[in-house]
Amino acid sequence: LADSGGGLVQVGDSLRLSCAASGRPFTSFDMAW
């Protein structure tokens, strides 16, 4: 798993984090943050 998308933001702003999976299909995986 490789997560990305973090940063420095101001109060009230938005961010979208992403998590890329590789190695085997993760369609049967529960995913969490």
PDB file of all heavy atoms in Angstrom:
ATOM      1  N   LEU A   1       0.844  -1.186   0.000  1.00  0.00           N
ATOM      2  CA  LEU A   1       0.000   0.000   0.000  1.00  0.00           C
ATOM      3  C   LEU A   1       0.881   1.238   0.000  1.00  0.00           C
ATOM      4  O   LEU A   1       1.878   1.304   0.734  1.00  0.00           O
ATOM      5  CB  LEU A   1      -0.902   0.018   1.237  1.00  0.00           C
ATOM      6  CG  LEU A   1      -1.848  -1.166   1.406  1.00  0.00           C
ATOM      7  CD1 LEU A   1      -2.643  -1.035   2.704  1.00  0.00           C
ATOM      8  CD2 LEU A   1      -2.798  -1.285   0.228  1.00  0.00           C
ATOM      9  N   ALA A   2       0.491   2.207  -0.816  1.00  0.00           N
ATOM     10  CA  ALA A   2       1.227   3.467  -0.876  1.00  0.00           C
ATOM     11  C   ALA A   2       0.231   4.601  -0.752  1.00  0.00           C
ATOM     12  O   ALA A   2      -0.625   4.774  -1.629  1.00  0.00           O
ATOM     13  CB  ALA A   2       1.994   3.572  -2.187  1.00  0.00           C
ATOM     14  N   ASP A   3       0.317   5.327   0.356  1.00  0.00           N
ATOM     15  CA  ASP A   3      -0.616   6.428   0.546  1.00  0.00           C
ATOM     16  C   ASP A   3       0.058   7.754   0.218  1.00  0.00           C
ATOM     17  O   ASP A   3       1.267   7.911   0.350  1.00  0.00           O
ATOM     18  CB  ASP A   3      -1.209   6.446   1.969  1.00  0.00           C
ATOM     19  CG  ASP A   3      -0.268   5.975   3.040  1.00  0.00           C
ATOM     20  OD1 ASP A   3       0.935   6.307   2.939  1.00  0.00           O
ATOM     21  OD2 ASP A   3      -0.723   5.280   3.968  1.00  0.00           O
ATOM     22  N   SER A   4      -0.768   8.702  -0.194  1.00  0.00           N
ATOM     23  CA  SER A   4      -0.274   9.999  -0.631  1.00  0.00           C
ATOM     24  C   SER A   4      -1.378  11.032  -0.521  1.00  0.00           C
ATOM     25  O   SER A   4      -2.538  10.686  -0.246  1.00  0.00           O
ATOM     26  CB  SER A   4       0.211   9.917  -2.084  1.00  0.00           C
ATOM     27  OG  SER A   4      -0.862   9.549  -2.938  1.00  0.00           O
ATOM     28  N   GLY A   5      -1.018  12.298  -0.738  1.00  0.00           N
ATOM     29  CA  GLY A   5      -2.005  13.357  -0.784  1.00  0.00           C
ATOM     30  C   GLY A   5      -1.998  14.300   0.396  1.00  0.00           C
ATOM     31  O   GLY A   5      -2.768  15.266   0.420  1.00  0.00           O
ATOM     32  N   GLY A   6      -1.169  14.020   1.380  1.00  0.00           N
ATOM     33  CA  GLY A   6      -1.120  14.901   2.543  1.00  0.00           C
ATOM     34  C   GLY A   6      -0.496  16.244   2.220  1.00  0.00           C
ATOM     35  O   GLY A   6       0.026  16.463   1.114  1.00  0.00           O
ATOM     36  N   GLY A   7      -0.533  17.146   3.190  1.00  0.00           N
ATOM     37  CA  GLY A   7       0.056  18.453   2.975  1.00  0.00           C
ATOM     38  C   GLY A   7      -0.270  19.394   4.111  1.00  0.00           C
ATOM     39  O   GLY A   7      -0.860  19.006   5.121  1.00  0.00           O
ATOM     40  N   LEU A   8       0.113  20.646   3.919  1.00  0.00           N
ATOM     41  CA  LEU A   8      -0.153  21.713   4.885  1.00  0.00           C
ATOM     42  C   LEU A   8      -1.311  22.550   4.366  1.00  0.00           C
ATOM     43  O   LEU A   8      -1.232  23.087   3.251  1.00  0.00           O
ATOM     44  CB  LEU A   8       1.098  22.568   5.062  1.00  0.00           C
ATOM     45  CG  LEU A   8       0.948  23.844   5.898  1.00  0.00           C
ATOM     46  CD1 LEU A   8       0.582  23.511   7.334  1.00  0.00           C
ATOM     47  CD2 LEU A   8       2.237  24.661   5.841  1.00  0.00           C
ATOM     48  N   VAL A   9      -2.369  22.621   5.146  1.00  0.00           N
ATOM     49  CA  VAL A   9      -3.555  23.371   4.737  1.00  0.00           C
ATOM     50  C   VAL A   9      -4.012  24.266   5.882  1.00  0.00           C
ATOM     51  O   VAL A   9      -3.528  24.153   7.013  1.00  0.00           O
ATOM     52  CB  VAL A   9      -4.695  22.432   4.313  1.00  0.00           C
ATOM     53  CG1 VAL A   9      -4.303  21.613   3.082  1.00  0.00           C
ATOM     54  CG2 VAL A   9      -5.104  21.507   5.452  1.00  0.00           C
ATOM     55  N   GLN A  10      -4.983  25.127   5.569  1.00  0.00           N
ATOM     56  CA  GLN A  10      -5.569  26.011   6.559  1.00  0.00           C
ATOM     57  C   GLN A  10      -6.852  25.399   7.123  1.00  0.00           C
ATOM     58  O   GLN A  10      -7.472  24.514   6.505  1.00  0.00           O
ATOM     59  CB  GLN A  10      -5.892  27.357   5.921  1.00  0.00           C
ATOM     60  CG  GLN A  10      -4.692  28.061   5.305  1.00  0.00           C
ATOM     61  CD  GLN A  10      -3.693  28.495   6.355  1.00  0.00           C
ATOM     62  OE1 GLN A  10      -4.050  29.043   7.384  1.00  0.00           O
ATOM     63  NE2 GLN A  10      -2.413  28.226   6.098  1.00  0.00           N
ATOM     64  N   VAL A  11      -7.253  25.906   8.262  1.00  0.00           N
ATOM     65  CA  VAL A  11      -8.523  25.478   8.853  1.00  0.00           C
ATOM     66  C   VAL A  11      -9.651  25.690   7.841  1.00  0.00           C
ATOM     67  O   VAL A  11      -9.741  26.741   7.215  1.00  0.00           O
ATOM     68  CB  VAL A  11      -8.806  26.259  10.145  1.00  0.00           C
ATOM     69  CG1 VAL A  11     -10.224  26.017  10.622  1.00  0.00           C
ATOM     70  CG2 VAL A  11      -7.818  25.881  11.230  1.00  0.00           C
ATOM     71  N   GLY A  12     -10.488  24.671   7.697  1.00  0.00           N
ATOM     72  CA  GLY A  12     -11.609  24.742   6.784  1.00  0.00           C
ATOM     73  C   GLY A  12     -11.332  24.247   5.382  1.00  0.00           C
ATOM     74  O   GLY A  12     -12.259  24.068   4.584  1.00  0.00           O
ATOM     75  N   ASP A  13     -10.064  24.025   5.073  1.00  0.00           N
ATOM     76  CA  ASP A  13      -9.696  23.529   3.747  1.00  0.00           C
ATOM     77  C   ASP A  13     -10.049  22.049   3.603  1.00  0.00           C
ATOM     78  O   ASP A  13     -10.452  21.385   4.561  1.00  0.00           O
ATOM     79  CB  ASP A  13      -8.203  23.734   3.498  1.00  0.00           C
ATOM     80  CG  ASP A  13      -7.858  25.170   3.173  1.00  0.00           C
ATOM     81  OD1 ASP A  13      -8.791  25.979   2.979  1.00  0.00           O
ATOM     82  OD2 ASP A  13      -6.650  25.492   3.119  1.00  0.00           O
ATOM     83  N   SER A  14      -9.822  21.553   2.380  1.00  0.00           N
ATOM     84  CA  SER A  14     -10.058  20.145   2.062  1.00  0.00           C
ATOM     85  C   SER A  14      -8.795  19.504   1.517  1.00  0.00           C
ATOM     86  O   SER A  14      -7.935  20.184   0.943  1.00  0.00           O
ATOM     87  CB  SER A  14     -11.181  20.014   1.018  1.00  0.00           C
ATOM     88  OG  SER A  14     -12.405  20.518   1.512  1.00  0.00           O
ATOM     89  N   LEU A  15      -8.707  18.199   1.702  1.00  0.00           N
ATOM     90  CA  LEU A  15      -7.641  17.394   1.123  1.00  0.00           C
ATOM     91  C   LEU A  15      -8.224  16.048   0.736  1.00  0.00           C
ATOM     92  O   LEU A  15      -9.181  15.576   1.378  1.00  0.00           O
ATOM     93  CB  LEU A  15      -6.517  17.139   2.129  1.00  0.00           C
ATOM     94  CG  LEU A  15      -5.382  18.146   2.290  1.00  0.00           C
ATOM     95  CD1 LEU A  15      -4.444  17.670   3.411  1.00  0.00           C
ATOM     96  CD2 LEU A  15      -4.614  18.334   0.998  1.00  0.00           C
ATOM     97  N   ARG A  16      -7.649  15.436  -0.286  1.00  0.00           N
ATOM     98  CA  ARG A  16      -8.029  14.068  -0.622  1.00  0.00           C
ATOM     99  C   ARG A  16      -6.784  13.184  -0.567  1.00  0.00           C
ATOM    100  O   ARG A  16      -5.812  13.420  -1.298  1.00  0.00           O
ATOM    101  CB  ARG A  16      -8.672  13.958  -2.005  1.00  0.00           C
ATOM    102  CG  ARG A  16      -9.235  12.552  -2.244  1.00  0.00           C
ATOM    103  CD  ARG A  16      -9.955  12.419  -3.563  1.00  0.00           C
ATOM    104  NE  ARG A  16      -9.041  12.263  -4.679  1.00  0.00           N
ATOM    105  CZ  ARG A  16      -9.390  11.770  -5.865  1.00  0.00           C
ATOM    106  NH1 ARG A  16     -10.646  11.379  -6.075  1.00  0.00           N
ATOM    107  NH2 ARG A  16      -8.510  11.677  -6.840  1.00  0.00           N
ATOM    108  N   LEU A  17      -6.832  12.204   0.309  1.00  0.00           N
ATOM    109  CA  LEU A  17      -5.756  11.226   0.410  1.00  0.00           C
ATOM    110  C   LEU A  17      -6.059  10.048  -0.507  1.00  0.00           C
ATOM    111  O   LEU A  17      -7.230   9.679  -0.687  1.00  0.00           O
ATOM    112  CB  LEU A  17      -5.598  10.742   1.849  1.00  0.00           C
ATOM    113  CG  LEU A  17      -5.410  11.818   2.911  1.00  0.00           C
ATOM    114  CD1 LEU A  17      -5.195  11.160   4.276  1.00  0.00           C
ATOM    115  CD2 LEU A  17      -4.259  12.736   2.576  1.00  0.00           C
ATOM    116  N   SER A  18      -5.002   9.482  -1.054  1.00  0.00           N
ATOM    117  CA  SER A  18      -5.153   8.311  -1.920  1.00  0.00           C
ATOM    118  C   SER A  18      -4.293   7.173  -1.397  1.00  0.00           C
ATOM    119  O   SER A  18      -3.223   7.401  -0.827  1.00  0.00           O
ATOM    120  CB  SER A  18      -4.723   8.637  -3.353  1.00  0.00           C
ATOM    121  OG  SER A  18      -5.522   9.645  -3.911  1.00  0.00           O
ATOM    122  N   CYS A  19      -4.752   5.971  -1.624  1.00  0.00           N
ATOM    123  CA  CYS A  19      -4.005   4.776  -1.235  1.00  0.00           C
ATOM    124  C   CYS A  19      -4.011   3.832  -2.423  1.00  0.00           C
ATOM    125  O   CYS A  19      -5.077   3.368  -2.839  1.00  0.00           O
ATOM    126  CB  CYS A  19      -4.649   4.122  -0.027  1.00  0.00           C
ATOM    127  SG  CYS A  19      -3.905   2.556   0.467  1.00  0.00           S
ATOM    128  N   ALA A  20      -2.831   3.566  -2.966  1.00  0.00           N
ATOM    129  CA  ALA A  20      -2.704   2.686  -4.118  1.00  0.00           C
ATOM    130  C   ALA A  20      -2.235   1.314  -3.658  1.00  0.00           C
ATOM    131  O   ALA A  20      -1.235   1.201  -2.941  1.00  0.00           O
ATOM    132  CB  ALA A  20      -1.716   3.272  -5.108  1.00  0.00           C
ATOM    133  N   ALA A  21      -2.957   0.289  -4.077  1.00  0.00           N
ATOM    134  CA  ALA A  21      -2.612  -1.084  -3.708  1.00  0.00           C
ATOM    135  C   ALA A  21      -1.962  -1.791  -4.888  1.00  0.00           C
ATOM    136  O   ALA A  21      -2.349  -1.607  -6.030  1.00  0.00           O
ATOM    137  CB  ALA A  21      -3.857  -1.840  -3.279  1.00  0.00           C
ATOM    138  N   SER A  22      -0.982  -2.622  -4.585  1.00  0.00           N
ATOM    139  CA  SER A  22      -0.328  -3.420  -5.618  1.00  0.00           C
ATOM    140  C   SER A  22       0.090  -4.749  -5.026  1.00  0.00           C
ATOM    141  O   SER A  22       0.085  -4.935  -3.810  1.00  0.00           O
ATOM    142  CB  SER A  22       0.901  -2.686  -6.167  1.00  0.00           C
ATOM    143  OG  SER A  22       1.846  -2.464  -5.157  1.00  0.00           O
ATOM    144  N   GLY A  23       0.415  -5.677  -5.879  1.00  0.00           N
ATOM    145  CA  GLY A  23       0.905  -6.965  -5.422  1.00  0.00           C
ATOM    146  C   GLY A  23      -0.086  -8.088  -5.601  1.00  0.00           C
ATOM    147  O   GLY A  23       0.280  -9.203  -5.923  1.00  0.00           O
ATOM    148  N   ARG A  24      -1.331  -7.821  -5.347  1.00  0.00           N
ATOM    149  CA  ARG A  24      -2.404  -8.775  -5.606  1.00  0.00           C
ATOM    150  C   ARG A  24      -3.717  -8.009  -5.578  1.00  0.00           C
ATOM    151  O   ARG A  24      -3.785  -6.958  -4.953  1.00  0.00           O
ATOM    152  CB  ARG A  24      -2.419  -9.912  -4.578  1.00  0.00           C
ATOM    153  CG  ARG A  24      -2.634  -9.484  -3.160  1.00  0.00           C
ATOM    154  CD  ARG A  24      -2.658 -10.651  -2.188  1.00  0.00           C
ATOM    155  NE  ARG A  24      -3.996 -11.183  -2.007  1.00  0.00           N
ATOM    156  CZ  ARG A  24      -4.346 -11.956  -0.999  1.00  0.00           C
ATOM    157  NH1 ARG A  24      -3.463 -12.333  -0.105  1.00  0.00           N
ATOM    158  NH2 ARG A  24      -5.580 -12.418  -0.888  1.00  0.00           N
ATOM    159  N   PRO A  25      -4.747  -8.527  -6.197  1.00  0.00           N
ATOM    160  CA  PRO A  25      -6.023  -7.810  -6.202  1.00  0.00           C
ATOM    161  C   PRO A  25      -6.538  -7.597  -4.794  1.00  0.00           C
ATOM    162  O   PRO A  25      -6.479  -8.507  -3.957  1.00  0.00           O
ATOM    163  CB  PRO A  25      -6.942  -8.750  -7.003  1.00  0.00           C
ATOM    164  CG  PRO A  25      -6.035  -9.554  -7.840  1.00  0.00           C
ATOM    165  CD  PRO A  25      -4.779  -9.751  -7.009  1.00  0.00           C
ATOM    166  N   PHE A  26      -7.009  -6.413  -4.526  1.00  0.00           N
ATOM    167  CA  PHE A  26      -7.482  -6.134  -3.167  1.00  0.00           C
ATOM    168  C   PHE A  26      -9.000  -6.008  -3.113  1.00  0.00           C
ATOM    169  O   PHE A  26      -9.554  -5.462  -2.197  1.00  0.00           O
ATOM    170  CB  PHE A  26      -6.784  -4.885  -2.624  1.00  0.00           C
ATOM    171  CG  PHE A  26      -7.427  -3.569  -2.991  1.00  0.00           C
ATOM    172  CD1 PHE A  26      -7.588  -2.585  -2.031  1.00  0.00           C
ATOM    173  CD2 PHE A  26      -7.874  -3.295  -4.281  1.00  0.00           C
ATOM    174  CE1 PHE A  26      -8.162  -1.365  -2.339  1.00  0.00           C
ATOM    175  CE2 PHE A  26      -8.446  -2.087  -4.594  1.00  0.00           C
ATOM    176  CZ  PHE A  26      -8.596  -1.107  -3.623  1.00  0.00           C
ATOM    177  N   THR A  27      -9.660  -6.551  -4.129  1.00  0.00           N
ATOM    178  CA  THR A  27     -11.117  -6.432  -4.178  1.00  0.00           C
ATOM    179  C   THR A  27     -11.807  -7.110  -3.016  1.00  0.00           C
ATOM    180  O   THR A  27     -12.936  -6.773  -2.692  1.00  0.00           O
ATOM    181  CB  THR A  27     -11.643  -7.007  -5.502  1.00  0.00           C
ATOM    182  OG1 THR A  27     -11.149  -8.336  -5.665  1.00  0.00           O
ATOM    183  CG2 THR A  27     -11.213  -6.156  -6.674  1.00  0.00           C
ATOM    184  N   SER A  28     -11.144  -8.075  -2.368  1.00  0.00           N
ATOM    185  CA  SER A  28     -11.755  -8.740  -1.221  1.00  0.00           C
ATOM    186  C   SER A  28     -11.227  -8.203   0.103  1.00  0.00           C
ATOM    187  O   SER A  28     -11.378  -8.837   1.146  1.00  0.00           O
ATOM    188  CB  SER A  28     -11.518 -10.251  -1.304  1.00  0.00           C
ATOM    189  OG  SER A  28     -10.131 -10.527  -1.239  1.00  0.00           O
ATOM    190  N   PHE A  29     -10.607  -7.054   0.075  1.00  0.00           N
ATOM    191  CA  PHE A  29     -10.045  -6.453   1.275  1.00  0.00           C
ATOM    192  C   PHE A  29     -10.941  -5.361   1.832  1.00  0.00           C
ATOM    193  O   PHE A  29     -11.422  -4.496   1.090  1.00  0.00           O
ATOM    194  CB  PHE A  29      -8.674  -5.837   0.957  1.00  0.00           C
ATOM    195  CG  PHE A  29      -7.536  -6.816   0.982  1.00  0.00           C
ATOM    196  CD1 PHE A  29      -7.534  -7.915   0.149  1.00  0.00           C
ATOM    197  CD2 PHE A  29      -6.473  -6.633   1.842  1.00  0.00           C
ATOM    198  CE1 PHE A  29      -6.495  -8.832   0.166  1.00  0.00           C
ATOM    199  CE2 PHE A  29      -5.427  -7.540   1.871  1.00  0.00           C
ATOM    200  CZ  PHE A  29      -5.436  -8.626   1.033  1.00  0.00           C
ATOM    201  N   ASP A  30     -11.163  -5.385   3.143  1.00  0.00           N
ATOM    202  CA  ASP A  30     -11.659  -4.203   3.827  1.00  0.00           C
ATOM    203  C   ASP A  30     -10.504  -3.211   3.888  1.00  0.00           C
ATOM    204  O   ASP A  30      -9.369  -3.594   4.200  1.00  0.00           O
ATOM    205  CB  ASP A  30     -12.098  -4.527   5.252  1.00  0.00           C
ATOM    206  CG  ASP A  30     -13.339  -5.390   5.309  1.00  0.00           C
ATOM    207  OD1 ASP A  30     -14.096  -5.435   4.316  1.00  0.00           O
ATOM    208  OD2 ASP A  30     -13.557  -6.028   6.362  1.00  0.00           O
ATOM    209  N   MET A  31     -10.794  -1.952   3.613  1.00  0.00           N
ATOM    210  CA  MET A  31      -9.773  -0.919   3.641  1.00  0.00           C
ATOM    211  C   MET A  31     -10.133   0.124   4.685  1.00  0.00           C
ATOM    212  O   MET A  31     -11.324   0.385   4.933  1.00  0.00           O
ATOM    213  CB  MET A  31      -9.639  -0.262   2.270  1.00  0.00           C
ATOM    214  CG  MET A  31      -9.187  -1.214   1.170  1.00  0.00           C
ATOM    215  SD  MET A  31      -7.569  -1.944   1.484  1.00  0.00           S
ATOM    216  CE  MET A  31      -6.527  -0.475   1.379  1.00  0.00           C
ATOM    217  N   ALA A  32      -9.118   0.709   5.277  1.00  0.00           N
ATOM    218  CA  ALA A  32      -9.345   1.662   6.353  1.00  0.00           C
ATOM    219  C   ALA A  32      -8.282   2.755   6.333  1.00  0.00           C
ATOM    220  O   ALA A  32      -7.209   2.594   5.729  1.00  0.00           O
ATOM    221  CB  ALA A  32      -9.334   0.946   7.700  1.00  0.00           C
ATOM    222  N   TRP A  33      -8.607   3.831   6.999  1.00  0.00           N
ATOM    223  CA  TRP A  33      -7.656   4.906   7.269  1.00  0.00           C
ATOM    224  C   TRP A  33      -7.537   5.074   8.778  1.00  0.00           C
ATOM    225  O   TRP A  33      -8.559   5.085   9.487  1.00  0.00           O
ATOM    226  CB  TRP A  33      -8.110   6.217   6.637  1.00  0.00           C
ATOM    227  CG  TRP A  33      -7.998   6.245   5.151  1.00  0.00           C
ATOM    228  CD1 TRP A  33      -8.979   5.923   4.251  1.00  0.00           C
ATOM    229  CD2 TRP A  33      -6.855   6.618   4.387  1.00  0.00           C
ATOM    230  NE1 TRP A  33      -8.500   6.061   2.978  1.00  0.00           N
ATOM    231  CE2 TRP A  33      -7.198   6.498   3.025  1.00  0.00           C
ATOM    232  CE3 TRP A  33      -5.560   7.045   4.697  1.00  0.00           C
ATOM    233  CZ2 TRP A  33      -6.308   6.779   1.983  1.00  0.00           C
ATOM    234  CZ3 TRP A  33      -4.680   7.330   3.668  1.00  0.00           C
ATOM    235  CH2 TRP A  33      -5.050   7.203   2.328  1.00  0.00           C
TER     236      TRP A  33
END
